[in-house]
């Protein structure tokens, strides 16, 4: 599915586990709301490292994964497994 990606980040926890997050712009569900909603998706940190340009259009492959609910209920979360760059949304700055 092709989505507008606003940004992405990857981090490492103290115990060595790596996490990735992708910020995606979506259309609002409320007809009275103007603008875009921002949705944060979990992502593979290796996929985040290959994303070159923000904001941009990316063809994302999203899977559903069950998140272990330590101290809370288990929940299904969307997880980005593949990101293919389609086009930039802003002019790309040339290196001097």
PDB file of N, CA and C in Angstrom:
ATOM      1  N   UNK A   1       0.842  -1.142   0.000  1.00  0.00           N
ATOM      2  CA  UNK A   1       0.000   0.000   0.000  1.00  0.00           C
ATOM      3  C   UNK A   1       0.904   1.225   0.000  1.00  0.00           C
ATOM      4  N   UNK A   2       0.609   2.205  -0.846  1.00  0.00           N
ATOM      5  CA  UNK A   2       1.415   3.413  -0.951  1.00  0.00           C
ATOM      6  C   UNK A   2       0.903   4.451   0.038  1.00  0.00           C
ATOM      7  N   UNK A   3       1.798   4.908   0.915  1.00  0.00           N
ATOM      8  CA  UNK A   3       1.434   5.859   1.962  1.00  0.00           C
ATOM      9  C   UNK A   3       2.443   6.989   2.029  1.00  0.00           C
ATOM     10  N   UNK A   4       1.999   8.134   2.575  1.00  0.00           N
ATOM     11  CA  UNK A   4       2.883   9.262   2.805  1.00  0.00           C
ATOM     12  C   UNK A   4       3.592   9.055   4.145  1.00  0.00           C
ATOM     13  N   UNK A   5       4.913   8.923   4.104  1.00  0.00           N
ATOM     14  CA  UNK A   5       5.699   8.716   5.312  1.00  0.00           C
ATOM     15  C   UNK A   5       6.344  10.043   5.696  1.00  0.00           C
ATOM     16  N   UNK A   6       6.094  10.486   6.930  1.00  0.00           N
ATOM     17  CA  UNK A   6       6.611  11.758   7.411  1.00  0.00           C
ATOM     18  C   UNK A   6       7.977  11.629   8.060  1.00  0.00           C
ATOM     19  N   UNK A   7       8.255  10.476   8.654  1.00  0.00           N
ATOM     20  CA  UNK A   7       9.535  10.277   9.319  1.00  0.00           C
ATOM     21  C   UNK A   7       9.660   8.865   9.848  1.00  0.00           C
ATOM     22  N   UNK A   8      10.855   8.512  10.264  1.00  0.00           N
ATOM     23  CA  UNK A   8      11.109   7.185  10.819  1.00  0.00           C
ATOM     24  C   UNK A   8      12.276   7.269  11.780  1.00  0.00           C
ATOM     25  N   UNK A   9      12.277   6.383  12.769  1.00  0.00           N
ATOM     26  CA  UNK A   9      13.375   6.364  13.732  1.00  0.00           C
ATOM     27  C   UNK A   9      13.611   4.935  14.200  1.00  0.00           C
ATOM     28  N   UNK A  10      14.839   4.676  14.605  1.00  0.00           N
ATOM     29  CA  UNK A  10      15.210   3.372  15.160  1.00  0.00           C
ATOM     30  C   UNK A  10      16.001   3.629  16.429  1.00  0.00           C
ATOM     31  N   UNK A  11      15.814   2.784  17.424  1.00  0.00           N
ATOM     32  CA  UNK A  11      16.548   2.930  18.674  1.00  0.00           C
ATOM     33  C   UNK A  11      16.883   1.561  19.231  1.00  0.00           C
ATOM     34  N   UNK A  12      17.830   1.548  20.157  1.00  0.00           N
ATOM     35  CA  UNK A  12      18.247   0.317  20.806  1.00  0.00           C
ATOM     36  C   UNK A  12      18.000   0.455  22.302  1.00  0.00           C
ATOM     37  N   UNK A  13      17.351  -0.549  22.891  1.00  0.00           N
ATOM     38  CA  UNK A  13      17.086  -0.555  24.329  1.00  0.00           C
ATOM     39  C   UNK A  13      18.363  -0.946  25.073  1.00  0.00           C
ATOM     40  N   UNK A  14      18.347  -0.755  26.371  1.00  0.00           N
ATOM     41  CA  UNK A  14      19.525  -1.072  27.185  1.00  0.00           C
ATOM     42  C   UNK A  14      19.882  -2.550  27.136  1.00  0.00           C
ATOM     43  N   UNK A  15      18.886  -3.410  26.925  1.00  0.00           N
ATOM     44  CA  UNK A  15      19.165  -4.844  26.868  1.00  0.00           C
ATOM     45  C   UNK A  15      19.572  -5.325  25.474  1.00  0.00           C
ATOM     46  N   UNK A  16      19.692  -4.409  24.500  1.00  0.00           N
ATOM     47  CA  UNK A  16      20.171  -4.769  23.175  1.00  0.00           C
ATOM     48  C   UNK A  16      19.091  -4.951  22.126  1.00  0.00           C
ATOM     49  N   UNK A  17      17.821  -4.952  22.523  1.00  0.00           N
ATOM     50  CA  UNK A  17      16.748  -5.098  21.539  1.00  0.00           C
ATOM     51  C   UNK A  17      16.636  -3.823  20.719  1.00  0.00           C
ATOM     52  N   UNK A  18      16.350  -3.966  19.424  1.00  0.00           N
ATOM     53  CA  UNK A  18      16.213  -2.822  18.528  1.00  0.00           C
ATOM     54  C   UNK A  18      14.751  -2.632  18.155  1.00  0.00           C
ATOM     55  N   UNK A  19      14.332  -1.360  18.086  1.00  0.00           N
ATOM     56  CA  UNK A  19      12.959  -1.016  17.751  1.00  0.00           C
ATOM     57  C   UNK A  19      12.961   0.023  16.639  1.00  0.00           C
ATOM     58  N   UNK A  20      11.933  -0.018  15.798  1.00  0.00           N
ATOM     59  CA  UNK A  20      11.765   0.986  14.758  1.00  0.00           C
ATOM     60  C   UNK A  20      10.346   1.519  14.761  1.00  0.00           C
ATOM     61  N   UNK A  21      10.203   2.788  14.412  1.00  0.00           N
ATOM     62  CA  UNK A  21       8.901   3.443  14.315  1.00  0.00           C
ATOM     63  C   UNK A  21       8.840   4.211  13.011  1.00  0.00           C
ATOM     64  N   UNK A  22       7.669   4.214  12.375  1.00  0.00           N
ATOM     65  CA  UNK A  22       7.434   4.951  11.142  1.00  0.00           C
ATOM     66  C   UNK A  22       6.206   5.826  11.351  1.00  0.00           C
ATOM     67  N   UNK A  23       6.308   7.128  11.006  1.00  0.00           N
ATOM     68  CA  UNK A  23       5.182   8.048  11.097  1.00  0.00           C
ATOM     69  C   UNK A  23       4.538   8.170   9.729  1.00  0.00           C
ATOM     70  N   UNK A  24       3.236   7.862   9.666  1.00  0.00           N
ATOM     71  CA  UNK A  24       2.495   7.839   8.418  1.00  0.00           C
ATOM     72  C   UNK A  24       1.354   8.838   8.502  1.00  0.00           C
ATOM     73  N   UNK A  25       1.135   9.602   7.438  1.00  0.00           N
ATOM     74  CA  UNK A  25       0.000  10.525   7.366  1.00  0.00           C
ATOM     75  C   UNK A  25      -1.199   9.791   6.787  1.00  0.00           C
ATOM     76  N   UNK A  26      -2.352   9.932   7.442  1.00  0.00           N
ATOM     77  CA  UNK A  26      -3.576   9.283   6.992  1.00  0.00           C
ATOM     78  C   UNK A  26      -4.687  10.316   6.879  1.00  0.00           C
ATOM     79  N   UNK A  27      -5.729   9.973   6.161  1.00  0.00           N
ATOM     80  CA  UNK A  27      -6.883  10.869   6.077  1.00  0.00           C
ATOM     81  C   UNK A  27      -7.735  10.692   7.329  1.00  0.00           C
ATOM     82  N   UNK A  28      -8.368  11.761   7.798  1.00  0.00           N
ATOM     83  CA  UNK A  28      -9.169  11.654   9.021  1.00  0.00           C
ATOM     84  C   UNK A  28     -10.458  10.886   8.779  1.00  0.00           C
ATOM     85  N   UNK A  29     -10.959  10.239   9.835  1.00  0.00           N
ATOM     86  CA  UNK A  29     -12.228   9.521   9.731  1.00  0.00           C
ATOM     87  C   UNK A  29     -13.415  10.438  10.000  1.00  0.00           C
ATOM     88  N   UNK A  30     -13.181  11.554  10.680  1.00  0.00           N
ATOM     89  CA  UNK A  30     -14.228  12.511  10.994  1.00  0.00           C
ATOM     90  C   UNK A  30     -14.339  13.521   9.857  1.00  0.00           C
ATOM     91  N   UNK A  31     -15.520  13.692   9.296  1.00  0.00           N
ATOM     92  CA  UNK A  31     -15.716  14.617   8.179  1.00  0.00           C
ATOM     93  C   UNK A  31     -15.540  16.071   8.593  1.00  0.00           C
ATOM     94  N   UNK A  32     -15.668  16.382   9.867  1.00  0.00           N
ATOM     95  CA  UNK A  32     -15.531  17.748  10.358  1.00  0.00           C
ATOM     96  C   UNK A  32     -14.072  18.144  10.584  1.00  0.00           C
ATOM     97  N   UNK A  33     -13.159  17.189  10.561  1.00  0.00           N
ATOM     98  CA  UNK A  33     -11.742  17.445  10.824  1.00  0.00           C
ATOM     99  C   UNK A  33     -11.035  17.769   9.523  1.00  0.00           C
ATOM    100  N   UNK A  34     -10.273  18.858   9.508  1.00  0.00           N
ATOM    101  CA  UNK A  34      -9.502  19.216   8.317  1.00  0.00           C
ATOM    102  C   UNK A  34      -8.030  18.907   8.565  1.00  0.00           C
ATOM    103  N   UNK A  35      -7.358  18.464   7.545  1.00  0.00           N
ATOM    104  CA  UNK A  35      -5.939  18.158   7.672  1.00  0.00           C
ATOM    105  C   UNK A  35      -5.679  16.666   7.623  1.00  0.00           C
ATOM    106  N   UNK A  36      -4.549  16.272   8.176  1.00  0.00           N
ATOM    107  CA  UNK A  36      -4.126  14.880   8.147  1.00  0.00           C
ATOM    108  C   UNK A  36      -3.935  14.374   9.568  1.00  0.00           C
ATOM    109  N   UNK A  37      -4.202  13.098   9.772  1.00  0.00           N
ATOM    110  CA  UNK A  37      -3.892  12.429  11.035  1.00  0.00           C
ATOM    111  C   UNK A  37      -2.528  11.770  10.896  1.00  0.00           C
ATOM    112  N   UNK A  38      -1.815  11.674  11.998  1.00  0.00           N
ATOM    113  CA  UNK A  38      -0.515  10.998  12.000  1.00  0.00           C
ATOM    114  C   UNK A  38      -0.654   9.705  12.778  1.00  0.00           C
ATOM    115  N   UNK A  39      -0.186   8.628  12.184  1.00  0.00           N
ATOM    116  CA  UNK A  39      -0.249   7.300  12.783  1.00  0.00           C
ATOM    117  C   UNK A  39       1.169   6.769  12.935  1.00  0.00           C
ATOM    118  N   UNK A  40       1.484   6.226  14.107  1.00  0.00           N
ATOM    119  CA  UNK A  40       2.811   5.663  14.345  1.00  0.00           C
ATOM    120  C   UNK A  40       2.726   4.141  14.243  1.00  0.00           C
ATOM    121  N   UNK A  41       3.535   3.576  13.350  1.00  0.00           N
ATOM    122  CA  UNK A  41       3.562   2.131  13.144  1.00  0.00           C
ATOM    123  C   UNK A  41       4.890   1.566  13.621  1.00  0.00           C
ATOM    124  N   UNK A  42       4.855   0.353  14.174  1.00  0.00           N
ATOM    125  CA  UNK A  42       6.087  -0.355  14.508  1.00  0.00           C
ATOM    126  C   UNK A  42       6.734  -0.820  13.205  1.00  0.00           C
ATOM    127  N   UNK A  43       8.063  -0.873  13.205  1.00  0.00           N
ATOM    128  CA  UNK A  43       8.768  -1.268  11.985  1.00  0.00           C
ATOM    129  C   UNK A  43      10.042  -2.017  12.334  1.00  0.00           C
ATOM    130  N   UNK A  44      10.516  -2.783  11.368  1.00  0.00           N
ATOM    131  CA  UNK A  44      11.802  -3.455  11.477  1.00  0.00           C
ATOM    132  C   UNK A  44      12.892  -2.382  11.397  1.00  0.00           C
ATOM    133  N   UNK A  45      13.831  -2.321  12.352  1.00  0.00           N
ATOM    134  CA  UNK A  45      14.868  -1.287  12.322  1.00  0.00           C
ATOM    135  C   UNK A  45      15.739  -1.333  11.077  1.00  0.00           C
ATOM    136  N   UNK A  46      15.913  -2.495  10.482  1.00  0.00           N
ATOM    137  CA  UNK A  46      16.686  -2.598   9.246  1.00  0.00           C
ATOM    138  C   UNK A  46      15.949  -1.943   8.079  1.00  0.00           C
ATOM    139  N   UNK A  47      14.627  -1.994   8.098  1.00  0.00           N
ATOM    140  CA  UNK A  47      13.824  -1.327   7.071  1.00  0.00           C
ATOM    141  C   UNK A  47      13.926   0.180   7.244  1.00  0.00           C
ATOM    142  N   UNK A  48      13.884   0.656   8.480  1.00  0.00           N
ATOM    143  CA  UNK A  48      13.988   2.098   8.754  1.00  0.00           C
ATOM    144  C   UNK A  48      15.329   2.636   8.258  1.00  0.00           C
ATOM    145  N   UNK A  49      16.385   1.858   8.390  1.00  0.00           N
ATOM    146  CA  UNK A  49      17.716   2.300   7.958  1.00  0.00           C
ATOM    147  C   UNK A  49      17.805   2.481   6.448  1.00  0.00           C
ATOM    148  N   UNK A  50      16.956   1.826   5.672  1.00  0.00           N
ATOM    149  CA  UNK A  50      17.011   1.927   4.218  1.00  0.00           C
ATOM    150  C   UNK A  50      16.110   3.020   3.661  1.00  0.00           C
ATOM    151  N   UNK A  51      15.385   3.739   4.508  1.00  0.00           N
ATOM    152  CA  UNK A  51      14.461   4.782   4.044  1.00  0.00           C
ATOM    153  C   UNK A  51      15.240   6.094   3.890  1.00  0.00           C
ATOM    154  N   UNK A  52      15.430   6.591   2.640  1.00  0.00           N
ATOM    155  CA  UNK A  52      16.340   7.719   2.420  1.00  0.00           C
ATOM    156  C   UNK A  52      15.740   9.118   2.578  1.00  0.00           C
ATOM    157  N   UNK A  53      14.482   9.327   2.207  1.00  0.00           N
ATOM    158  CA  UNK A  53      13.947  10.672   2.080  1.00  0.00           C
ATOM    159  C   UNK A  53      12.645  10.836   2.854  1.00  0.00           C
ATOM    160  N   UNK A  54      12.541  11.968   3.574  1.00  0.00           N
ATOM    161  CA  UNK A  54      11.302  12.304   4.281  1.00  0.00           C
ATOM    162  C   UNK A  54      10.961  13.762   4.012  1.00  0.00           C
ATOM    163  N   UNK A  55       9.728  14.138   3.835  1.00  0.00           N
ATOM    164  CA  UNK A  55       8.580  13.266   3.618  1.00  0.00           C
ATOM    165  C   UNK A  55       8.626  12.678   2.218  1.00  0.00           C
ATOM    166  N   UNK A  56       8.010  11.539   2.063  1.00  0.00           N
ATOM    167  CA  UNK A  56       8.005  10.873   0.769  1.00  0.00           C
ATOM    168  C   UNK A  56       6.916   9.827   0.678  1.00  0.00           C
ATOM    169  N   UNK A  57       6.660   9.398  -0.539  1.00  0.00           N
ATOM    170  CA  UNK A  57       5.709   8.313  -0.768  1.00  0.00           C
ATOM    171  C   UNK A  57       6.484   7.004  -0.765  1.00  0.00           C
ATOM    172  N   UNK A  58       5.994   6.058   0.014  1.00  0.00           N
ATOM    173  CA  UNK A  58       6.626   4.748   0.128  1.00  0.00           C
ATOM    174  C   UNK A  58       5.573   3.672  -0.087  1.00  0.00           C
ATOM    175  N   UNK A  59       5.974   2.615  -0.760  1.00  0.00           N
ATOM    176  CA  UNK A  59       5.133   1.433  -0.892  1.00  0.00           C
ATOM    177  C   UNK A  59       5.485   0.537   0.293  1.00  0.00           C
ATOM    178  N   UNK A  60       4.584   0.472   1.280  1.00  0.00           N
ATOM    179  CA  UNK A  60       4.843  -0.264   2.517  1.00  0.00           C
ATOM    180  C   UNK A  60       4.124  -1.597   2.515  1.00  0.00           C
ATOM    181  N   UNK A  61       4.819  -2.621   2.949  1.00  0.00           N
ATOM    182  CA  UNK A  61       4.186  -3.914   3.201  1.00  0.00           C
ATOM    183  C   UNK A  61       3.976  -4.000   4.705  1.00  0.00           C
ATOM    184  N   UNK A  62       2.718  -4.118   5.112  1.00  0.00           N
ATOM    185  CA  UNK A  62       2.359  -4.091   6.524  1.00  0.00           C
ATOM    186  C   UNK A  62       1.755  -5.428   6.914  1.00  0.00           C
ATOM    187  N   UNK A  63       2.310  -6.027   7.965  1.00  0.00           N
ATOM    188  CA  UNK A  63       1.794  -7.276   8.519  1.00  0.00           C
ATOM    189  C   UNK A  63       1.181  -7.001   9.877  1.00  0.00           C
ATOM    190  N   UNK A  64       0.287  -7.881  10.305  1.00  0.00           N
ATOM    191  CA  UNK A  64      -0.259  -7.803  11.658  1.00  0.00           C
ATOM    192  C   UNK A  64       0.516  -8.763  12.543  1.00  0.00           C
ATOM    193  N   UNK A  65       0.989  -8.250  13.678  1.00  0.00           N
ATOM    194  CA  UNK A  65       1.716  -9.079  14.639  1.00  0.00           C
ATOM    195  C   UNK A  65       1.074  -8.918  16.002  1.00  0.00           C
ATOM    196  N   UNK A  66       1.129  -9.982  16.771  1.00  0.00           N
ATOM    197  CA  UNK A  66       0.589  -9.929  18.133  1.00  0.00           C
ATOM    198  C   UNK A  66       1.688  -9.446  19.061  1.00  0.00           C
ATOM    199  N   UNK A  67       1.399  -8.379  19.751  1.00  0.00           N
ATOM    200  CA  UNK A  67       2.346  -7.817  20.714  1.00  0.00           C
ATOM    201  C   UNK A  67       2.113  -8.468  22.061  1.00  0.00           C
ATOM    202  N   UNK A  68       3.187  -8.971  22.663  1.00  0.00           N
ATOM    203  CA  UNK A  68       3.089  -9.634  23.951  1.00  0.00           C
ATOM    204  C   UNK A  68       2.649  -8.621  24.998  1.00  0.00           C
ATOM    205  N   UNK A  69       1.568  -8.918  25.675  1.00  0.00           N
ATOM    206  CA  UNK A  69       1.007  -7.986  26.624  1.00  0.00           C
ATOM    207  C   UNK A  69       1.490  -8.214  28.031  1.00  0.00           C
ATOM    208  N   UNK A  70       2.763  -7.994  28.280  1.00  0.00           N
ATOM    209  CA  UNK A  70       3.282  -8.117  29.643  1.00  0.00           C
ATOM    210  C   UNK A  70       2.625  -7.037  30.488  1.00  0.00           C
ATOM    211  N   UNK A  71       1.920  -7.441  31.529  1.00  0.00           N
ATOM    212  CA  UNK A  71       1.156  -6.564  32.430  1.00  0.00           C
ATOM    213  C   UNK A  71      -0.076  -5.948  31.789  1.00  0.00           C
ATOM    214  N   UNK A  72      -0.401  -6.330  30.579  1.00  0.00           N
ATOM    215  CA  UNK A  72      -1.614  -5.849  29.914  1.00  0.00           C
ATOM    216  C   UNK A  72      -2.056  -6.891  28.896  1.00  0.00           C
ATOM    217  N   UNK A  73      -3.163  -6.640  28.225  1.00  0.00           N
ATOM    218  CA  UNK A  73      -3.678  -7.600  27.250  1.00  0.00           C
ATOM    219  C   UNK A  73      -2.787  -7.669  26.011  1.00  0.00           C
ATOM    220  N   UNK A  74      -2.772  -8.850  25.364  1.00  0.00           N
ATOM    221  CA  UNK A  74      -2.103  -8.978  24.077  1.00  0.00           C
ATOM    222  C   UNK A  74      -2.903  -8.183  23.050  1.00  0.00           C
ATOM    223  N   UNK A  75      -2.201  -7.573  22.091  1.00  0.00           N
ATOM    224  CA  UNK A  75      -2.889  -6.777  21.084  1.00  0.00           C
ATOM    225  C   UNK A  75      -2.227  -6.985  19.729  1.00  0.00           C
ATOM    226  N   UNK A  76      -3.039  -6.915  18.676  1.00  0.00           N
ATOM    227  CA  UNK A  76      -2.521  -7.013  17.315  1.00  0.00           C
ATOM    228  C   UNK A  76      -2.071  -5.625  16.879  1.00  0.00           C
ATOM    229  N   UNK A  77      -0.845  -5.539  16.377  1.00  0.00           N
ATOM    230  CA  UNK A  77      -0.268  -4.262  15.949  1.00  0.00           C
ATOM    231  C   UNK A  77       0.182  -4.374  14.503  1.00  0.00           C
ATOM    232  N   UNK A  78       0.078  -3.264  13.782  1.00  0.00           N
ATOM    233  CA  UNK A  78       0.584  -3.221  12.418  1.00  0.00           C
ATOM    234  C   UNK A  78       2.099  -3.069  12.470  1.00  0.00           C
ATOM    235  N   UNK A  79       2.800  -3.833  11.617  1.00  0.00           N
ATOM    236  CA  UNK A  79       4.257  -3.876  11.623  1.00  0.00           C
ATOM    237  C   UNK A  79       4.760  -3.751  10.187  1.00  0.00           C
ATOM    238  N   UNK A  80       5.620  -2.770   9.930  1.00  0.00           N
ATOM    239  CA  UNK A  80       6.161  -2.541   8.589  1.00  0.00           C
ATOM    240  C   UNK A  80       7.331  -3.491   8.366  1.00  0.00           C
ATOM    241  N   UNK A  81       7.225  -4.333   7.330  1.00  0.00           N
ATOM    242  CA  UNK A  81       8.277  -5.303   7.034  1.00  0.00           C
ATOM    243  C   UNK A  81       9.098  -4.930   5.798  1.00  0.00           C
ATOM    244  N   UNK A  82       8.518  -4.184   4.864  1.00  0.00           N
ATOM    245  CA  UNK A  82       9.218  -3.782   3.643  1.00  0.00           C
ATOM    246  C   UNK A  82       8.792  -2.360   3.294  1.00  0.00           C
ATOM    247  N   UNK A  83       9.756  -1.518   2.904  1.00  0.00           N
ATOM    248  CA  UNK A  83       9.460  -0.156   2.461  1.00  0.00           C
ATOM    249  C   UNK A  83      10.228   0.114   1.166  1.00  0.00           C
ATOM    250  N   UNK A  84       9.481   0.447   0.116  1.00  0.00           N
ATOM    251  CA  UNK A  84      10.106   0.765  -1.176  1.00  0.00           C
ATOM    252  C   UNK A  84       9.799   2.219  -1.500  1.00  0.00           C
ATOM    253  N   UNK A  85      10.840   3.021  -1.736  1.00  0.00           N
ATOM    254  CA  UNK A  85      10.691   4.448  -2.024  1.00  0.00           C
ATOM    255  C   UNK A  85      10.045   4.640  -3.384  1.00  0.00           C
ATOM    256  N   UNK A  86       9.005   5.505  -3.445  1.00  0.00           N
ATOM    257  CA  UNK A  86       8.313   5.772  -4.705  1.00  0.00           C
ATOM    258  C   UNK A  86       8.669   7.161  -5.229  1.00  0.00           C
ATOM    259  N   UNK A  87       8.452   8.220  -4.406  1.00  0.00           N
ATOM    260  CA  UNK A  87       8.713   9.584  -4.859  1.00  0.00           C
ATOM    261  C   UNK A  87       8.835  10.525  -3.664  1.00  0.00           C
ATOM    262  N   UNK A  88       9.652  11.591  -3.795  1.00  0.00           N
ATOM    263  CA  UNK A  88       9.728  12.587  -2.725  1.00  0.00           C
ATOM    264  C   UNK A  88       8.508  13.503  -2.772  1.00  0.00           C
ATOM    265  N   UNK A  89       8.142  14.083  -1.639  1.00  0.00           N
ATOM    266  CA  UNK A  89       7.030  15.032  -1.595  1.00  0.00           C
ATOM    267  C   UNK A  89       7.505  16.465  -1.544  1.00  0.00           C
ATOM    268  N   UNK A  90       8.764  16.683  -1.286  1.00  0.00           N
ATOM    269  CA  UNK A  90       9.350  18.017  -1.245  1.00  0.00           C
ATOM    270  C   UNK A  90      10.600  18.007  -2.099  1.00  0.00           C
ATOM    271  N   UNK A  91      11.022  19.173  -2.572  1.00  0.00           N
ATOM    272  CA  UNK A  91      12.264  19.196  -3.365  1.00  0.00           C
ATOM    273  C   UNK A  91      13.438  18.684  -2.552  1.00  0.00           C
ATOM    274  N   UNK A  92      14.248  17.836  -3.146  1.00  0.00           N
ATOM    275  CA  UNK A  92      15.401  17.258  -2.471  1.00  0.00           C
ATOM    276  C   UNK A  92      16.565  18.246  -2.597  1.00  0.00           C
ATOM    277  N   UNK A  93      17.208  18.561  -1.457  1.00  0.00           N
ATOM    278  CA  UNK A  93      18.329  19.498  -1.463  1.00  0.00           C
ATOM    279  C   UNK A  93      19.552  18.839  -2.082  1.00  0.00           C
ATOM    280  N   UNK A  94      20.193  19.562  -2.960  1.00  0.00           N
ATOM    281  CA  UNK A  94      21.425  19.090  -3.573  1.00  0.00           C
ATOM    282  C   UNK A  94      22.581  19.327  -2.619  1.00  0.00           C
ATOM    283  N   UNK A  95      23.531  18.415  -2.557  1.00  0.00           N
ATOM    284  CA  UNK A  95      24.721  18.606  -1.734  1.00  0.00           C
ATOM    285  C   UNK A  95      25.650  19.591  -2.406  1.00  0.00           C
ATOM    286  N   UNK A  96      26.200  20.529  -1.645  1.00  0.00           N
ATOM    287  CA  UNK A  96      27.075  21.565  -2.215  1.00  0.00           C
ATOM    288  C   UNK A  96      28.450  21.034  -2.504  1.00  0.00           C
TER     289      UNK A  96
END
